[in-house]
C-alpha atoms as a PDB file:
ATOM      1  CA  MET A   1     -66.121 -43.305 -18.154  1.00  0.00           C
ATOM      2  CA  LEU A   2     -62.674 -43.849 -16.793  1.00  0.00           C
ATOM      3  CA  LEU A   3     -61.967 -46.630 -19.332  1.00  0.00           C
ATOM      4  CA  THR A   4     -63.036 -44.224 -22.350  1.00  0.00           C
ATOM      5  CA  GLY A   5     -60.782 -41.593 -20.777  1.00  0.00           C
ATOM      6  CA  TRP A   6     -57.859 -43.833 -20.722  1.00  0.00           C
ATOM      7  CA  LYS A   7     -58.472 -45.057 -24.255  1.00  0.00           C
ATOM      8  CA  VAL A   8     -58.611 -41.378 -25.368  1.00  0.00           C
ATOM      9  CA  VAL A   9     -55.363 -40.502 -23.508  1.00  0.00           C
ATOM     10  CA  PHE A  10     -53.551 -43.593 -25.085  1.00  0.00           C
ATOM     11  CA  CYS A  11     -54.778 -42.711 -28.556  1.00  0.00           C
ATOM     12  CA  LEU A  12     -53.962 -39.221 -28.298  1.00  0.00           C
ATOM     13  CA  TYR A  13     -50.563 -39.344 -26.551  1.00  0.00           C
ATOM     14  CA  PHE A  14     -49.150 -42.684 -27.523  1.00  0.00           C
ATOM     15  CA  ARG A  15     -50.976 -43.695 -30.824  1.00  0.00           C
ATOM     16  CA  GLN A  16     -51.618 -40.441 -32.465  1.00  0.00           C
ATOM     17  CA  ASN A  17     -52.128 -42.136 -35.950  1.00  0.00           C
ATOM     18  CA  CYS A  18     -54.893 -44.491 -34.757  1.00  0.00           C
ATOM     19  CA  VAL A  19     -57.350 -41.652 -34.643  1.00  0.00           C
ATOM     20  CA  ARG A  20     -58.112 -39.756 -37.910  1.00  0.00           C
ATOM     21  CA  PRO A  21     -57.495 -35.998 -37.634  1.00  0.00           C
ATOM     22  CA  ALA A  22     -61.068 -35.162 -38.259  1.00  0.00           C
ATOM     23  CA  LYS A  23     -62.295 -37.253 -35.178  1.00  0.00           C
ATOM     24  CA  LYS A  24     -59.370 -35.953 -33.021  1.00  0.00           C
ATOM     25  CA  ASP A  25     -61.020 -32.697 -32.126  1.00  0.00           C
ATOM     26  CA  ALA A  26     -64.333 -34.431 -31.456  1.00  0.00           C
ATOM     27  CA  LEU A  27     -62.774 -36.782 -28.991  1.00  0.00           C
ATOM     28  CA  LEU A  28     -60.968 -34.003 -27.132  1.00  0.00           C
ATOM     29  CA  ALA A  29     -64.211 -31.841 -27.046  1.00  0.00           C
ATOM     30  CA  LYS A  30     -66.049 -34.991 -25.682  1.00  0.00           C
ATOM     31  CA  ASN A  31     -63.643 -35.791 -22.875  1.00  0.00           C
ATOM     32  CA  TYR A  32     -62.638 -32.091 -21.987  1.00  0.00           C
ATOM     33  CA  GLN A  33     -65.692 -32.092 -19.623  1.00  0.00           C
ATOM     34  CA  ASN A  34     -64.527 -35.344 -18.079  1.00  0.00           C
ATOM     35  CA  PRO A  35     -62.340 -34.599 -14.950  1.00  0.00           C
ATOM     36  CA  LEU A  36     -60.926 -38.178 -15.259  1.00  0.00           C
ATOM     37  CA  PHE A  37     -59.432 -37.166 -18.524  1.00  0.00           C
ATOM     38  CA  PHE A  38     -56.943 -34.844 -17.106  1.00  0.00           C
ATOM     39  CA  GLN A  39     -56.222 -37.126 -13.985  1.00  0.00           C
ATOM     40  CA  ALA A  40     -55.477 -40.044 -16.430  1.00  0.00           C
ATOM     41  CA  PHE A  41     -53.418 -37.774 -18.773  1.00  0.00           C
ATOM     42  CA  PHE A  42     -51.236 -36.583 -16.101  1.00  0.00           C
ATOM     43  CA  VAL A  43     -50.761 -39.778 -14.357  1.00  0.00           C
ATOM     44  CA  SER A  44     -49.813 -41.403 -17.630  1.00  0.00           C
ATOM     45  CA  LEU A  45     -47.209 -38.727 -18.337  1.00  0.00           C
ATOM     46  CA  GLN A  46     -45.416 -38.447 -15.068  1.00  0.00           C
ATOM     47  CA  PRO A  47     -43.618 -41.855 -15.315  1.00  0.00           C
ATOM     48  CA  ARG A  48     -42.145 -40.777 -18.685  1.00  0.00           C
ATOM     49  CA  LYS A  49     -40.892 -37.389 -17.264  1.00  0.00           C
ATOM     50  CA  VAL A  50     -39.335 -38.999 -14.207  1.00  0.00           C
ATOM     51  CA  LYS A  51     -37.688 -41.454 -16.546  1.00  0.00           C
ATOM     52  CA  GLN A  52     -36.371 -38.755 -18.778  1.00  0.00           C
ATOM     53  CA  SER A  53     -35.077 -36.805 -15.935  1.00  0.00           C
ATOM     54  CA  ILE A  54     -33.161 -39.927 -14.588  1.00  0.00           C
ATOM     55  CA  ASP A  55     -31.905 -40.575 -18.036  1.00  0.00           C
ATOM     56  CA  SER A  56     -30.586 -37.017 -18.554  1.00  0.00           C
ATOM     57  CA  MET A  57     -28.924 -36.957 -15.019  1.00  0.00           C
ATOM     58  CA  ASP A  58     -25.044 -36.810 -15.328  1.00  0.00           C
ATOM     59  CA  THR A  59     -23.906 -39.391 -12.794  1.00  0.00           C
ATOM     60  CA  ASN A  60     -20.222 -38.713 -13.460  1.00  0.00           C
ATOM     61  CA  PRO A  61     -18.923 -37.082 -10.106  1.00  0.00           C
ATOM     62  CA  ARG A  62     -15.890 -35.524 -11.764  1.00  0.00           C
ATOM     63  CA  LYS A  63     -18.157 -33.033 -13.643  1.00  0.00           C
ATOM     64  CA  TRP A  64     -20.328 -31.893 -10.724  1.00  0.00           C
ATOM     65  CA  LEU A  65     -17.750 -32.161  -7.851  1.00  0.00           C
ATOM     66  CA  ARG A  66     -15.316 -29.794  -9.116  1.00  0.00           C
ATOM     67  CA  PRO A  67     -17.650 -26.682  -9.398  1.00  0.00           C
ATOM     68  CA  VAL A  68     -18.855 -27.582  -5.908  1.00  0.00           C
ATOM     69  CA  ILE A  69     -15.405 -27.546  -4.404  1.00  0.00           C
ATOM     70  CA  ILE A  70     -14.372 -24.430  -6.237  1.00  0.00           C
ATOM     71  CA  GLY A  71     -17.562 -22.631  -4.869  1.00  0.00           C
ATOM     72  CA  ALA A  72     -16.840 -23.761  -1.335  1.00  0.00           C
ATOM     73  CA  LEU A  73     -13.245 -22.488  -1.499  1.00  0.00           C
ATOM     74  CA  THR A  74     -14.334 -19.182  -2.925  1.00  0.00           C
ATOM     75  CA  VAL A  75     -16.856 -18.696  -0.050  1.00  0.00           C
ATOM     76  CA  ALA A  76     -14.077 -19.731   2.337  1.00  0.00           C
ATOM     77  CA  VAL A  77     -11.507 -17.262   1.015  1.00  0.00           C
ATOM     78  CA  VAL A  78     -14.142 -14.437   1.103  1.00  0.00           C
ATOM     79  CA  LEU A  79     -14.998 -15.206   4.712  1.00  0.00           C
ATOM     80  CA  LEU A  80     -11.246 -15.344   5.624  1.00  0.00           C
ATOM     81  CA  ALA A  81     -10.664 -11.969   3.886  1.00  0.00           C
ATOM     82  CA  VAL A  82     -13.557 -10.461   5.907  1.00  0.00           C
ATOM     83  CA  ALA A  83     -12.298 -11.960   9.205  1.00  0.00           C
ATOM     84  CA  LEU A  84      -8.690 -10.792   8.524  1.00  0.00           C
ATOM     85  CA  ASN A  85      -9.906  -7.215   7.610  1.00  0.00           C
ATOM     86  CA  TYR A  86     -12.025  -6.994  10.768  1.00  0.00           C
ATOM     87  CA  ALA A  87      -8.829  -8.385  12.831  1.00  0.00           C
ATOM     88  CA  VAL A  88      -6.558  -5.693  11.380  1.00  0.00           C
ATOM     89  CA  ARG A  89      -9.108  -2.976  12.121  1.00  0.00           C
ATOM     90  CA  ALA A  90      -9.647  -4.064  15.685  1.00  0.00           C
ATOM     91  CA  GLU A  91      -5.851  -4.454  16.218  1.00  0.00           C
ATOM     92  CA  ARG A  92      -5.204  -0.900  14.677  1.00  0.00           C
ATOM     93  CA  ASN A  93      -8.005   0.623  16.969  1.00  0.00           C
ATOM     94  CA  ALA A  94      -6.590  -1.137  20.138  1.00  0.00           C
ATOM     95  CA  ARG A  95      -3.193   0.221  19.122  1.00  0.00           C
ATOM     96  CA  TYR A  96      -3.994   3.858  18.721  1.00  0.00           C
ATOM     97  CA  VAL A  97      -6.595   3.983  21.551  1.00  0.00           C
ATOM     98  CA  GLY A  98      -3.909   2.686  23.809  1.00  0.00           C
ATOM     99  CA  MET A  99      -1.202   5.059  22.487  1.00  0.00           C
ATOM    100  CA  MET A 100      -3.660   7.952  22.712  1.00  0.00           C
ATOM    101  CA  ASN A 101      -4.196   7.094  26.465  1.00  0.00           C
ATOM    102  CA  VAL A 102      -0.629   6.977  27.046  1.00  0.00           C
ATOM    103  CA  VAL A 103       0.188  10.179  25.322  1.00  0.00           C
ATOM    104  CA  GLU A 104      -2.638  11.938  27.105  1.00  0.00           C
ATOM    105  CA  GLU A 105      -1.514  10.812  30.479  1.00  0.00           C
ATOM    106  CA  LYS A 106       2.052  11.766  29.911  1.00  0.00           C
ATOM    107  CA  LEU A 107       1.053  15.383  28.604  1.00  0.00           C
ATOM    108  CA  SER A 108      -1.344  15.785  31.451  1.00  0.00           C
ATOM    109  CA  LYS A 109       1.380  14.836  33.946  1.00  0.00           C
ATOM    110  CA  THR A 110       3.704  17.353  32.551  1.00  0.00           C
ATOM    111  CA  ILE A 111       1.118  20.124  32.400  1.00  0.00           C
ATOM    112  CA  ARG A 112       0.202  19.317  35.974  1.00  0.00           C
ATOM    113  CA  GLY A 113       3.853  19.756  36.980  1.00  0.00           C
ATOM    114  CA  VAL A 114       3.852  23.359  35.572  1.00  0.00           C
ATOM    115  CA  GLU A 115       0.663  24.008  37.415  1.00  0.00           C
ATOM    116  CA  MET A 116       1.824  22.760  40.877  1.00  0.00           C
ATOM    117  CA  ASN A 117       5.092  24.873  40.599  1.00  0.00           C
ATOM    118  CA  ALA A 118       3.116  27.952  39.575  1.00  0.00           C
ATOM    119  CA  GLU A 119       0.695  27.504  42.358  1.00  0.00           C
ATOM    120  CA  ASN A 120       3.434  27.716  44.951  1.00  0.00           C
ATOM    121  CA  VAL A 121       4.570  30.964  43.405  1.00  0.00           C
ATOM    122  CA  PHE A 122       0.784  32.214  43.389  1.00  0.00           C
ATOM    123  CA  ASP A 123       0.551  31.290  47.124  1.00  0.00           C
ATOM    124  CA  GLU A 124       3.546  33.501  47.848  1.00  0.00           C
ATOM    125  CA  VAL A 125       1.932  36.415  46.183  1.00  0.00           C
ATOM    126  CA  ARG A 126      -1.225  35.743  48.028  1.00  0.00           C
ATOM    127  CA  LYS A 127       0.636  35.930  51.227  1.00  0.00           C
ATOM    128  CA  HIS A 128       2.543  39.054  50.593  1.00  0.00           C
ATOM    129  CA  MET A 129       0.320  41.794  48.899  1.00  0.00           C
ATOM    130  CA  GLU A 130       0.993  44.337  51.619  1.00  0.00           C
ATOM    131  CA  SER A 131       3.295  46.343  49.255  1.00  0.00           C
ATOM    132  CA  PRO A 132       4.613  46.327  45.629  1.00  0.00           C
ATOM    133  CA  GLN A 133       8.106  45.274  46.715  1.00  0.00           C
ATOM    134  CA  ALA A 134       6.677  42.322  48.796  1.00  0.00           C
ATOM    135  CA  VAL A 135       4.916  41.168  45.649  1.00  0.00           C
ATOM    136  CA  ILE A 136       8.118  41.446  43.432  1.00  0.00           C
ATOM    137  CA  GLU A 137      10.066  39.483  46.088  1.00  0.00           C
ATOM    138  CA  ALA A 138       7.290  36.766  46.369  1.00  0.00           C
ATOM    139  CA  LEU A 139       7.311  36.345  42.566  1.00  0.00           C
ATOM    140  CA  GLY A 140      11.014  35.626  42.567  1.00  0.00           C
ATOM    141  CA  SER A 141      11.172  33.402  45.391  1.00  0.00           C
ATOM    142  CA  LYS A 142      10.139  30.246  43.650  1.00  0.00           C
ATOM    143  CA  THR A 143      11.456  30.574  40.148  1.00  0.00           C
ATOM    144  CA  SER A 144      14.026  27.785  40.470  1.00  0.00           C
ATOM    145  CA  LEU A 145      11.294  25.193  40.845  1.00  0.00           C
ATOM    146  CA  ASN A 146      10.621  24.885  37.116  1.00  0.00           C
ATOM    147  CA  PRO A 147      13.166  26.296  34.685  1.00  0.00           C
ATOM    148  CA  ASP A 148      10.861  25.546  31.837  1.00  0.00           C
ATOM    149  CA  VAL A 149       8.491  28.394  32.907  1.00  0.00           C
ATOM    150  CA  ILE A 150       9.556  31.523  30.830  1.00  0.00           C
ATOM    151  CA  GLY A 151       8.253  33.951  33.584  1.00  0.00           C
ATOM    152  CA  TYR A 152       5.835  34.700  36.458  1.00  0.00           C
ATOM    153  CA  PHE A 153       3.624  37.865  36.715  1.00  0.00           C
ATOM    154  CA  ALA A 154       1.113  39.502  38.933  1.00  0.00           C
ATOM    155  CA  ALA A 155      -1.372  41.733  37.024  1.00  0.00           C
ATOM    156  CA  PHE A 156      -3.079  43.931  39.420  1.00  0.00           C
ATOM    157  CA  VAL A 157      -6.534  45.540  39.139  1.00  0.00           C
ATOM    158  CA  PRO A 158      -6.093  49.320  38.069  1.00  0.00           C
ATOM    159  CA  ASN A 159      -4.789  51.618  40.851  1.00  0.00           C
ATOM    160  CA  TYR A 160      -4.511  48.764  43.392  1.00  0.00           C
ATOM    161  CA  PHE A 161      -1.451  50.278  44.584  1.00  0.00           C
ATOM    162  CA  PRO A 162      -1.947  54.139  44.204  1.00  0.00           C
ATOM    163  CA  GLN A 163       1.646  54.881  44.335  1.00  0.00           C
ATOM    164  CA  GLU A 164       2.332  52.690  41.301  1.00  0.00           C
ATOM    165  CA  GLY A 165      -0.375  54.441  39.098  1.00  0.00           C
ATOM    166  CA  ARG A 166      -2.996  52.768  37.155  1.00  0.00           C
ATOM    167  CA  TRP A 167      -0.888  49.802  35.971  1.00  0.00           C
ATOM    168  CA  PHE A 168       1.182  47.451  38.061  1.00  0.00           C
ATOM    169  CA  GLN A 169       2.318  44.227  36.610  1.00  0.00           C
ATOM    170  CA  PRO A 170       5.789  42.991  37.811  1.00  0.00           C
ATOM    171  CA  TYR A 171       7.089  40.215  35.524  1.00  0.00           C
ATOM    172  CA  VAL A 172      10.041  38.030  36.701  1.00  0.00           C
ATOM    173  CA  HIS A 173      11.303  36.089  33.800  1.00  0.00           C
ATOM    174  CA  GLN A 174      14.223  34.471  32.058  1.00  0.00           C
ATOM    175  CA  GLY A 175      16.645  36.888  30.638  1.00  0.00           C
ATOM    176  CA  ASP A 176      19.674  36.513  28.433  1.00  0.00           C
ATOM    177  CA  SER A 177      21.381  34.478  31.112  1.00  0.00           C
ATOM    178  CA  THR A 178      20.217  31.774  33.284  1.00  0.00           C
ATOM    179  CA  GLU A 179      19.019  34.150  35.976  1.00  0.00           C
ATOM    180  CA  PHE A 180      15.541  35.590  36.208  1.00  0.00           C
ATOM    181  CA  VAL A 181      15.175  39.420  35.797  1.00  0.00           C
ATOM    182  CA  LEU A 182      12.433  41.829  36.630  1.00  0.00           C
ATOM    183  CA  THR A 183      10.509  43.974  34.192  1.00  0.00           C
ATOM    184  CA  LEU A 184       7.469  46.103  34.899  1.00  0.00           C
ATOM    185  CA  VAL A 185       5.317  45.581  31.812  1.00  0.00           C
ATOM    186  CA  GLY A 186       2.240  47.310  32.804  1.00  0.00           C
ATOM    187  CA  SER A 187       1.673  50.760  30.934  1.00  0.00           C
ATOM    188  CA  ALA A 188      -0.690  52.654  28.734  1.00  0.00           C
ATOM    189  CA  ARG A 189       1.136  51.124  25.713  1.00  0.00           C
ATOM    190  CA  HIS A 190       0.980  47.767  27.370  1.00  0.00           C
ATOM    191  CA  ASP A 191      -2.419  47.650  28.899  1.00  0.00           C
ATOM    192  CA  TYR A 192      -2.724  44.204  30.189  1.00  0.00           C
ATOM    193  CA  THR A 193      -6.363  44.703  31.277  1.00  0.00           C
ATOM    194  CA  THR A 194      -7.333  44.061  27.439  1.00  0.00           C
ATOM    195  CA  SER A 195      -5.363  40.800  27.329  1.00  0.00           C
ATOM    196  CA  THR A 196      -7.391  37.689  26.864  1.00  0.00           C
ATOM    197  CA  TRP A 197      -5.836  36.072  30.011  1.00  0.00           C
ATOM    198  CA  TYR A 198      -6.748  39.064  32.063  1.00  0.00           C
ATOM    199  CA  VAL A 199     -10.233  39.216  30.749  1.00  0.00           C
ATOM    200  CA  GLN A 200     -10.781  35.584  31.534  1.00  0.00           C
ATOM    201  CA  GLY A 201      -9.148  35.829  34.810  1.00  0.00           C
ATOM    202  CA  ILE A 202     -11.549  38.514  36.327  1.00  0.00           C
ATOM    203  CA  LYS A 203     -14.417  36.248  35.367  1.00  0.00           C
ATOM    204  CA  GLU A 204     -13.064  32.926  36.684  1.00  0.00           C
ATOM    205  CA  LYS A 205     -12.953  31.655  40.231  1.00  0.00           C
ATOM    206  CA  GLU A 206     -10.306  29.166  39.703  1.00  0.00           C
ATOM    207  CA  SER A 207      -6.943  28.348  37.809  1.00  0.00           C
ATOM    208  CA  PHE A 208      -7.181  28.116  34.010  1.00  0.00           C
ATOM    209  CA  TRP A 209      -4.992  27.928  30.884  1.00  0.00           C
ATOM    210  CA  SER A 210      -5.449  30.888  28.445  1.00  0.00           C
ATOM    211  CA  GLU A 211      -5.764  30.417  24.554  1.00  0.00           C
ATOM    212  CA  PRO A 212      -2.389  30.566  22.806  1.00  0.00           C
ATOM    213  CA  TYR A 213      -1.395  34.038  21.948  1.00  0.00           C
ATOM    214  CA  TYR A 214       1.294  35.947  20.225  1.00  0.00           C
ATOM    215  CA  TYR A 215       3.376  38.386  22.389  1.00  0.00           C
ATOM    216  CA  GLU A 216       5.484  41.139  20.926  1.00  0.00           C
ATOM    217  CA  ASP A 217       7.089  44.080  22.732  1.00  0.00           C
ATOM    218  CA  ASP A 218      10.164  46.424  22.664  1.00  0.00           C
ATOM    219  CA  LEU A 219      10.863  45.351  26.229  1.00  0.00           C
ATOM    220  CA  ASN A 220      13.409  42.634  27.073  1.00  0.00           C
ATOM    221  CA  VAL A 221      10.755  40.060  26.979  1.00  0.00           C
ATOM    222  CA  THR A 222      11.184  37.357  24.266  1.00  0.00           C
ATOM    223  CA  SER A 223       8.499  37.683  21.547  1.00  0.00           C
ATOM    224  CA  GLY A 224       6.592  34.600  20.339  1.00  0.00           C
ATOM    225  CA  TYR A 225       3.549  32.387  20.910  1.00  0.00           C
ATOM    226  CA  TYR A 226       2.682  31.932  24.539  1.00  0.00           C
ATOM    227  CA  MET A 227       0.257  30.064  26.723  1.00  0.00           C
ATOM    228  CA  THR A 228      -0.442  31.180  30.248  1.00  0.00           C
ATOM    229  CA  PHE A 229      -1.528  29.284  33.296  1.00  0.00           C
ATOM    230  CA  ALA A 230      -3.264  31.846  35.362  1.00  0.00           C
ATOM    231  CA  THR A 231      -5.352  32.130  38.439  1.00  0.00           C
ATOM    232  CA  PRO A 232      -7.257  35.146  40.228  1.00  0.00           C
ATOM    233  CA  ILE A 233      -5.889  36.209  43.483  1.00  0.00           C
ATOM    234  CA  PHE A 234      -8.452  37.844  45.984  1.00  0.00           C
ATOM    235  CA  ASP A 235      -7.620  39.943  49.029  1.00  0.00           C
ATOM    236  CA  ALA A 236      -8.767  39.583  52.590  1.00  0.00           C
ATOM    237  CA  GLN A 237     -11.968  41.257  51.968  1.00  0.00           C
ATOM    238  CA  GLY A 238     -12.774  38.710  49.011  1.00  0.00           C
ATOM    239  CA  CYS A 239     -12.180  41.441  46.350  1.00  0.00           C
ATOM    240  CA  LEU A 240     -10.122  40.575  43.288  1.00  0.00           C
ATOM    241  CA  ALA A 241      -6.602  41.968  43.718  1.00  0.00           C
ATOM    242  CA  CYS A 242      -4.699  40.562  40.668  1.00  0.00           C
ATOM    243  CA  VAL A 243      -4.402  37.844  38.139  1.00  0.00           C
ATOM    244  CA  CYS A 244      -1.204  35.820  38.505  1.00  0.00           C
ATOM    245  CA  GLY A 245       0.192  33.794  35.644  1.00  0.00           C
ATOM    246  CA  ALA A 246       3.037  31.479  34.546  1.00  0.00           C
ATOM    247  CA  ASP A 247       3.982  31.740  30.898  1.00  0.00           C
ATOM    248  CA  MET A 248       5.028  28.788  28.862  1.00  0.00           C
ATOM    249  CA  THR A 249       6.181  29.010  25.199  1.00  0.00           C
ATOM    250  CA  GLN A 250       4.781  27.082  22.243  1.00  0.00           C
ATOM    251  CA  GLU A 251       8.325  25.791  21.598  1.00  0.00           C
ATOM    252  CA  TRP A 252       8.241  24.280  25.132  1.00  0.00           C
ATOM    253  CA  MET A 253       4.921  22.477  24.270  1.00  0.00           C
ATOM    254  CA  ILE A 254       6.281  21.209  20.884  1.00  0.00           C
ATOM    255  CA  ASP A 255       9.507  19.816  22.579  1.00  0.00           C
ATOM    256  CA  GLN A 256       7.350  17.855  25.160  1.00  0.00           C
ATOM    257  CA  LEU A 257       5.091  16.656  22.285  1.00  0.00           C
ATOM    258  CA  ARG A 258       8.150  15.506  20.148  1.00  0.00           C
ATOM    259  CA  GLN A 259       9.717  13.737  23.115  1.00  0.00           C
ATOM    260  CA  ILE A 260       6.387  11.901  23.940  1.00  0.00           C
ATOM    261  CA  GLU A 261       5.904  10.802  20.381  1.00  0.00           C
ATOM    262  CA  ASP A 262       9.523   9.518  20.059  1.00  0.00           C
ATOM    263  CA  GLU A 263       8.880   7.431  23.337  1.00  0.00           C
ATOM    264  CA  VAL A 264       5.659   5.851  21.976  1.00  0.00           C
ATOM    265  CA  ARG A 265       7.108   5.121  18.486  1.00  0.00           C
ATOM    266  CA  ASN A 266       9.996   3.189  20.094  1.00  0.00           C
ATOM    267  CA  ASP A 267       7.969   1.504  22.716  1.00  0.00           C
ATOM    268  CA  GLU A 268       8.131  -2.288  22.164  1.00  0.00           C
ATOM    269  CA  LEU A 269       4.893  -3.291  24.090  1.00  0.00           C
ATOM    270  CA  MET A 270       2.956  -0.594  22.344  1.00  0.00           C
ATOM    271  CA  ASN A 271       4.204  -1.578  18.895  1.00  0.00           C
ATOM    272  CA  SER A 272       4.112  -5.452  19.409  1.00  0.00           C
ATOM    273  CA  TYR A 273       0.965  -5.704  17.059  1.00  0.00           C
ATOM    274  CA  ARG A 274       1.648  -7.538  13.911  1.00  0.00           C
ATOM    275  CA  LEU A 275      -1.385  -7.478  11.697  1.00  0.00           C
ATOM    276  CA  ALA A 276      -1.767  -3.643  11.397  1.00  0.00           C
ATOM    277  CA  GLY A 277       1.777  -3.020  10.337  1.00  0.00           C
ATOM    278  CA  ASN A 278       3.560   0.434  10.829  1.00  0.00           C
ATOM    279  CA  ASP A 279       1.115   3.125   9.822  1.00  0.00           C
ATOM    280  CA  ASP A 280       2.044   6.694   8.942  1.00  0.00           C
ATOM    281  CA  PHE A 281       0.942   8.783  11.970  1.00  0.00           C
ATOM    282  CA  PHE A 282       1.569  11.915  13.893  1.00  0.00           C
ATOM    283  CA  ILE A 283       0.438  13.376  17.195  1.00  0.00           C
ATOM    284  CA  VAL A 284      -0.898  16.953  17.516  1.00  0.00           C
ATOM    285  CA  ILE A 285      -2.295  19.189  20.265  1.00  0.00           C
ATOM    286  CA  LEU A 286      -5.552  20.928  19.112  1.00  0.00           C
ATOM    287  CA  ASN A 287      -7.439  24.076  20.321  1.00  0.00           C
ATOM    288  CA  ASP A 288     -11.126  23.533  20.703  1.00  0.00           C
ATOM    289  CA  ASP A 289     -11.683  25.118  17.300  1.00  0.00           C
ATOM    290  CA  GLY A 290      -9.865  22.285  15.450  1.00  0.00           C
ATOM    291  CA  THR A 291      -6.617  24.296  14.768  1.00  0.00           C
ATOM    292  CA  SER A 292      -3.218  22.873  16.026  1.00  0.00           C
ATOM    293  CA  PHE A 293      -1.272  24.502  18.662  1.00  0.00           C
ATOM    294  CA  ALA A 294       1.608  22.115  18.791  1.00  0.00           C
ATOM    295  CA  HIS A 295       2.904  19.534  16.049  1.00  0.00           C
ATOM    296  CA  PRO A 296       6.229  17.804  16.455  1.00  0.00           C
ATOM    297  CA  ASN A 297       7.441  19.301  13.065  1.00  0.00           C
ATOM    298  CA  GLY A 298       5.897  22.683  13.782  1.00  0.00           C
ATOM    299  CA  ASP A 299       3.311  22.097  11.008  1.00  0.00           C
ATOM    300  CA  ILE A 300      -0.014  23.830  10.946  1.00  0.00           C
ATOM    301  CA  VAL A 301      -3.039  21.402  11.019  1.00  0.00           C
ATOM    302  CA  THR A 302      -6.593  22.447  10.652  1.00  0.00           C
ATOM    303  CA  MET A 303      -9.577  20.139  11.117  1.00  0.00           C
ATOM    304  CA  SER A 304     -12.783  22.296  10.524  1.00  0.00           C
ATOM    305  CA  ASP A 305     -15.364  19.380  10.365  1.00  0.00           C
ATOM    306  CA  GLU A 306     -18.245  20.849  12.372  1.00  0.00           C
ATOM    307  CA  ALA A 307     -19.166  17.692  14.202  1.00  0.00           C
ATOM    308  CA  PHE A 308     -15.530  17.030  15.142  1.00  0.00           C
ATOM    309  CA  VAL A 309     -15.156  20.720  16.490  1.00  0.00           C
ATOM    310  CA  ALA A 310     -18.393  20.375  18.524  1.00  0.00           C
ATOM    311  CA  SER A 311     -16.686  17.188  20.241  1.00  0.00           C
ATOM    312  CA  LEU A 312     -13.740  19.227  20.898  1.00  0.00           C
ATOM    313  CA  LYS A 313     -15.596  22.020  22.513  1.00  0.00           C
ATOM    314  CA  ASN A 314     -17.626  19.601  24.590  1.00  0.00           C
ATOM    315  CA  HIS A 315     -14.368  17.900  25.790  1.00  0.00           C
ATOM    316  CA  GLN A 316     -15.258  14.499  24.224  1.00  0.00           C
ATOM    317  CA  ARG A 317     -13.067  11.685  23.007  1.00  0.00           C
ATOM    318  CA  GLY A 318     -13.555   9.402  20.089  1.00  0.00           C
ATOM    319  CA  VAL A 319     -12.544   8.217  16.841  1.00  0.00           C
ATOM    320  CA  THR A 320     -13.620   9.736  13.502  1.00  0.00           C
ATOM    321  CA  GLU A 321     -12.417   9.775   9.773  1.00  0.00           C
ATOM    322  CA  LEU A 322     -11.553  13.249   8.278  1.00  0.00           C
ATOM    323  CA  GLU A 323      -9.560  14.768   5.590  1.00  0.00           C
ATOM    324  CA  VAL A 324      -6.488  16.449   7.418  1.00  0.00           C
ATOM    325  CA  ASN A 325      -4.752  18.962   5.263  1.00  0.00           C
ATOM    326  CA  GLY A 326      -6.179  17.185   2.224  1.00  0.00           C
ATOM    327  CA  VAL A 327      -5.260  13.683   3.268  1.00  0.00           C
ATOM    328  CA  PRO A 328      -7.868  11.048   4.276  1.00  0.00           C
ATOM    329  CA  SER A 329      -7.055  10.191   7.752  1.00  0.00           C
ATOM    330  CA  ARG A 330      -8.441   8.361  10.873  1.00  0.00           C
ATOM    331  CA  VAL A 331      -8.248  10.621  13.951  1.00  0.00           C
ATOM    332  CA  TYR A 332      -8.109   9.279  17.571  1.00  0.00           C
ATOM    333  CA  TYR A 333      -8.651  12.276  19.977  1.00  0.00           C
ATOM    334  CA  THR A 334      -9.182  13.018  23.697  1.00  0.00           C
ATOM    335  CA  PRO A 335      -9.220  16.087  25.878  1.00  0.00           C
ATOM    336  CA  LEU A 336      -6.232  17.048  28.085  1.00  0.00           C
ATOM    337  CA  LYS A 337      -7.307  17.373  31.705  1.00  0.00           C
ATOM    338  CA  ARG A 338      -7.760  20.793  33.204  1.00  0.00           C
ATOM    339  CA  THR A 339      -7.352  22.510  29.717  1.00  0.00           C
ATOM    340  CA  HIS A 340      -9.507  23.288  26.742  1.00  0.00           C
ATOM    341  CA  TRP A 341      -7.017  21.472  24.391  1.00  0.00           C
ATOM    342  CA  SER A 342      -7.287  17.930  22.994  1.00  0.00           C
ATOM    343  CA  VAL A 343      -4.487  15.615  21.816  1.00  0.00           C
ATOM    344  CA  ALA A 344      -4.980  13.754  18.693  1.00  0.00           C
ATOM    345  CA  ILE A 345      -3.247  10.883  16.866  1.00  0.00           C
ATOM    346  CA  VAL A 346      -3.793  11.368  13.139  1.00  0.00           C
ATOM    347  CA  VAL A 347      -3.312   8.142  11.092  1.00  0.00           C
ATOM    348  CA  LYS A 348      -3.150   8.422   7.312  1.00  0.00           C
ATOM    349  CA  LYS A 349      -5.489   5.910   5.558  1.00  0.00           C
END
């Protein structure tokens, strides 16, 4: 049977003309049931296919080596571009995270200096609450400690000193000259008990910074945006006596921020990075609702992204990508110690 199969394969595959067409189908039908038929067919066919493959192979290296080299170089360039992009991003992050930490440290140190001087004044008031005049003298005794403070006040609870009536808020502040002057600002027209810093002060047990607010009056007190460092003062019986405060202006904070930004821009070590280049950035102090309180150029910036605002309210630090006043930006932010503000470095993409 094997011999017959081989003969059929030979006749059908190599000698097609030796079998008449009428008999070809009969032979195929006869050998179709023979498994050795297919084995012989494929065995006889493979040597020819291998030979054809070898004959058709181009053995000239110039024709196949060039595409291989071009492909390898393309892959290498792509990998190099990916690695370079990663290196640039890593260097940029390292630069602005480091800058953010430096700015936060400098601002926190400046703010802490204001707090320490104010606490000295508050301690004097706490020691001298036996009379209205003693309070006024205590407020003015330490004003020379920090000329940046616009003024110190003590806002007493209503009728604390009956002889002074319902409102008693002595305010020792900077006047037209370099000397501090006294103004009694408490009145029915200026009911300080409705001020945000007072409302917060009667609830707090410790010192705090108020939300920025606008103050305007016909008294000889400069109108403008203020922020107040305040603390509640309790009497010997543990009852709230007054809320003491030290006022700082928005202009003062902007000046501090502008000075710190100039320092970090010109710091050689901080700007020694080479891959990232010189990006367009600015530094801003934000309220916990995402609005700016201080910008070096006095501009108003709003970042209203819900997730970002939630991070500010939770005093978190991080990096995010936002549109800042319509400009795609990368924002590095961190909270300022002992305040509800955050400092942010905004880098245009």
